[in-house]
Amino acid sequence: MRELQIVDAAELASAYAAAVYVVALDGDSFPLRVGEPARDLEAYAPASRYAFITAWNPASQPRSDTANEAADALLVTQLDALGVTRHAAWAQDADGRWREPGWLVADVDESALLRLAEEFGQAGVLDWAAGEPVRLRMLAPRPVGHAVAHTDWIPA
């Protein structure tokens, strides 16, 4: 398991919570936002639980496309081995200047999701039950005095 070094977990959680996440399904795109239900996506691709995960840029530290693509290929192999449904997705900042590919996965076990996030050095993932608002799960202790709505802090 990789040890994750986060310089400012509060700032990172705020950026993740403000990002727009988009899922591509059959030529349509379904935006997701932390704290909001994903009714359109859930109606189109029914499941009991959903998550967004990426292998790109561990701890939000930029890496080369080659390194990111290799990590993504390994993540895909592991998702396929788990037998979960996956759909191409991405995260982007509100201005659309930053974009990072990832995967929407359906009905993945919470412990498997967190294990994959840790293995690929991710500081956070999205995870929610159908009908509930999208939640951000940060893989770090909650900073003292800091709260981000719809965010769970999971200490390593």
Protein backbone atom coordinates (compact mmCIF):
# COMPACT_ATOMS: atom_id res chain seq x y z
CA MET A 1 0.00 0.00 0.00
CA ARG A 2 1.22 3.47 -0.90
CA GLU A 3 1.56 6.11 1.84
CA LEU A 4 -0.38 9.18 0.80
CA GLN A 5 1.15 12.58 1.51
CA ILE A 6 -1.44 15.35 1.32
CA VAL A 7 -0.11 18.86 1.73
CA ASP A 8 -3.47 20.51 2.52
CA ALA A 9 -6.33 18.05 2.94
CA ALA A 10 -8.87 20.81 3.63
CA GLU A 11 -8.04 22.66 0.42
CA LEU A 12 -8.04 19.42 -1.57
CA ALA A 13 -11.44 18.36 -0.17
CA SER A 14 -12.89 21.77 -1.03
CA ALA A 15 -11.58 21.48 -4.61
CA TYR A 16 -12.91 17.93 -4.99
CA ALA A 17 -16.30 18.95 -3.61
CA ALA A 18 -16.51 21.89 -6.03
CA ALA A 19 -15.53 19.82 -9.08
CA VAL A 20 -17.98 18.59 -11.69
CA TYR A 21 -17.91 14.87 -12.39
CA VAL A 22 -19.32 13.63 -15.69
CA VAL A 23 -20.30 10.11 -16.75
CA ALA A 24 -20.48 9.19 -20.45
CA LEU A 25 -23.21 6.66 -21.33
CA ASP A 26 -24.30 5.82 -24.87
CA GLY A 27 -23.42 9.25 -26.23
CA ASP A 28 -25.07 11.11 -23.35
CA SER A 29 -23.28 12.76 -20.47
CA PHE A 30 -24.55 12.87 -16.92
CA PRO A 31 -23.04 15.49 -14.60
CA LEU A 32 -22.54 14.68 -10.92
CA ARG A 33 -21.93 17.08 -8.06
CA VAL A 34 -21.06 16.36 -4.46
CA GLY A 35 -24.11 16.90 -2.28
CA GLU A 36 -26.65 16.49 -5.08
CA PRO A 37 -28.65 13.38 -6.02
CA ALA A 38 -27.80 11.76 -9.36
CA ARG A 39 -31.36 10.92 -10.40
CA ASP A 40 -30.84 11.05 -14.18
CA LEU A 41 -27.78 8.79 -14.03
CA GLU A 42 -29.48 6.39 -11.62
CA ALA A 43 -32.56 6.15 -13.87
CA TYR A 44 -30.40 5.46 -16.91
CA ALA A 45 -28.03 2.97 -15.24
CA PRO A 46 -29.84 1.43 -12.24
CA ALA A 47 -27.71 0.03 -9.40
CA SER A 48 -27.87 0.09 -5.62
CA ARG A 49 -24.54 1.88 -5.13
CA TYR A 50 -22.25 4.05 -7.24
CA ALA A 51 -18.69 5.35 -7.02
CA PHE A 52 -16.25 7.45 -9.01
CA ILE A 53 -12.58 6.50 -8.92
CA THR A 54 -9.52 7.44 -10.90
CA ALA A 55 -5.91 6.31 -10.98
CA TRP A 56 -4.63 9.60 -12.40
CA ASN A 57 -2.38 12.01 -10.52
CA PRO A 58 -2.07 10.37 -7.08
CA ALA A 59 -2.58 12.89 -4.23
CA SER A 60 -3.39 15.45 -6.95
CA GLN A 61 0.27 15.62 -7.97
CA PRO A 62 0.55 15.87 -11.78
CA ARG A 63 2.13 12.92 -13.57
CA SER A 64 2.91 12.28 -17.19
CA ASP A 65 0.18 10.97 -19.47
CA THR A 66 2.23 7.79 -19.89
CA ALA A 67 2.34 7.16 -16.12
CA ASN A 68 -1.34 8.03 -15.72
CA GLU A 69 -2.42 5.80 -18.61
CA ALA A 70 -0.41 2.88 -17.19
CA ALA A 71 -2.03 3.35 -13.77
CA ASP A 72 -5.46 3.60 -15.39
CA ALA A 73 -4.91 0.36 -17.32
CA LEU A 74 -4.03 -1.41 -14.07
CA LEU A 75 -7.12 0.04 -12.37
CA VAL A 76 -9.32 -1.19 -15.24
CA THR A 77 -7.81 -4.67 -14.91
CA GLN A 78 -8.61 -4.70 -11.20
CA LEU A 79 -12.15 -3.36 -11.68
CA ASP A 80 -12.79 -6.02 -14.32
CA ALA A 81 -11.46 -8.70 -11.98
CA LEU A 82 -14.00 -7.55 -9.38
CA GLY A 83 -16.72 -7.98 -11.99
CA VAL A 84 -18.19 -4.51 -11.46
CA THR A 85 -19.91 -2.49 -14.16
CA ARG A 86 -17.82 0.53 -15.16
CA HIS A 87 -18.46 3.53 -17.39
CA ALA A 88 -16.04 6.17 -18.65
CA ALA A 89 -16.18 9.32 -16.56
CA TRP A 90 -14.08 12.34 -15.70
CA ALA A 91 -13.68 15.08 -13.14
CA GLN A 92 -13.14 18.71 -14.05
CA ASP A 93 -12.94 22.04 -12.31
CA ALA A 94 -15.89 24.42 -12.63
CA ASP A 95 -14.12 26.37 -15.42
CA GLY A 96 -13.27 23.23 -17.40
CA ARG A 97 -9.52 24.06 -17.41
CA TRP A 98 -8.55 20.89 -15.54
CA ARG A 99 -9.88 17.47 -16.48
CA GLU A 100 -8.99 14.03 -15.15
CA PRO A 101 -10.33 10.72 -16.53
CA GLY A 102 -11.81 8.11 -14.23
CA TRP A 103 -14.55 5.52 -13.93
CA LEU A 104 -18.06 5.38 -12.59
CA VAL A 105 -18.48 1.94 -11.04
CA ALA A 106 -21.70 0.32 -9.92
CA ASP A 107 -22.23 -1.90 -6.91
CA VAL A 108 -18.59 -2.10 -5.87
CA ASP A 109 -18.02 -3.21 -2.30
CA GLU A 110 -17.01 -0.27 -0.06
CA SER A 111 -13.90 -2.02 1.26
CA ALA A 112 -12.79 -2.87 -2.30
CA LEU A 113 -13.34 0.75 -3.38
CA LEU A 114 -11.28 2.11 -0.51
CA ARG A 115 -8.56 -0.49 -1.07
CA LEU A 116 -8.30 0.54 -4.74
CA ALA A 117 -8.26 4.23 -3.83
CA GLU A 118 -5.40 3.63 -1.39
CA GLU A 119 -3.52 1.40 -3.82
CA PHE A 120 -3.67 4.06 -6.52
CA GLY A 121 -2.76 6.89 -4.15
CA GLN A 122 -6.07 8.68 -4.38
CA ALA A 123 -6.94 11.24 -1.70
CA GLY A 124 -10.66 10.91 -2.36
CA VAL A 125 -13.43 9.09 -4.21
CA LEU A 126 -17.13 9.65 -4.71
CA ASP A 127 -19.44 7.04 -3.22
CA TRP A 128 -23.21 7.02 -2.70
CA ALA A 129 -26.28 4.82 -2.43
CA ALA A 130 -29.01 5.13 -5.05
CA GLY A 131 -31.45 7.88 -4.16
CA GLU A 132 -28.97 9.61 -1.82
CA PRO A 133 -26.82 12.68 -2.52
CA VAL A 134 -23.35 12.06 -3.96
CA ARG A 135 -20.75 11.94 -1.16
CA LEU A 136 -17.05 12.68 -1.17
CA ARG A 137 -14.95 10.20 0.79
CA MET A 138 -11.56 11.64 1.72
CA LEU A 139 -8.90 9.09 2.65
CA ALA A 140 -7.31 11.30 5.28
CA PRO A 141 -8.01 12.40 8.81
CA ARG A 142 -10.42 15.33 9.00
CA PRO A 143 -8.49 18.58 9.49
CA VAL A 144 -9.26 20.22 12.82
CA GLY A 145 -11.99 22.80 12.50
CA HIS A 146 -12.69 22.00 8.87
CA ALA A 147 -15.93 20.70 7.45
CA VAL A 148 -17.00 20.19 3.85
CA ALA A 149 -20.65 19.32 3.36
CA HIS A 150 -21.38 15.76 2.20
CA THR A 151 -17.80 14.71 2.93
CA ASP A 152 -16.67 11.72 4.99
CA TRP A 153 -13.11 11.56 6.32
CA ILE A 154 -11.62 8.09 6.49
CA PRO A 155 -8.30 8.05 8.35
CA ALA A 156 -5.70 5.66 6.97
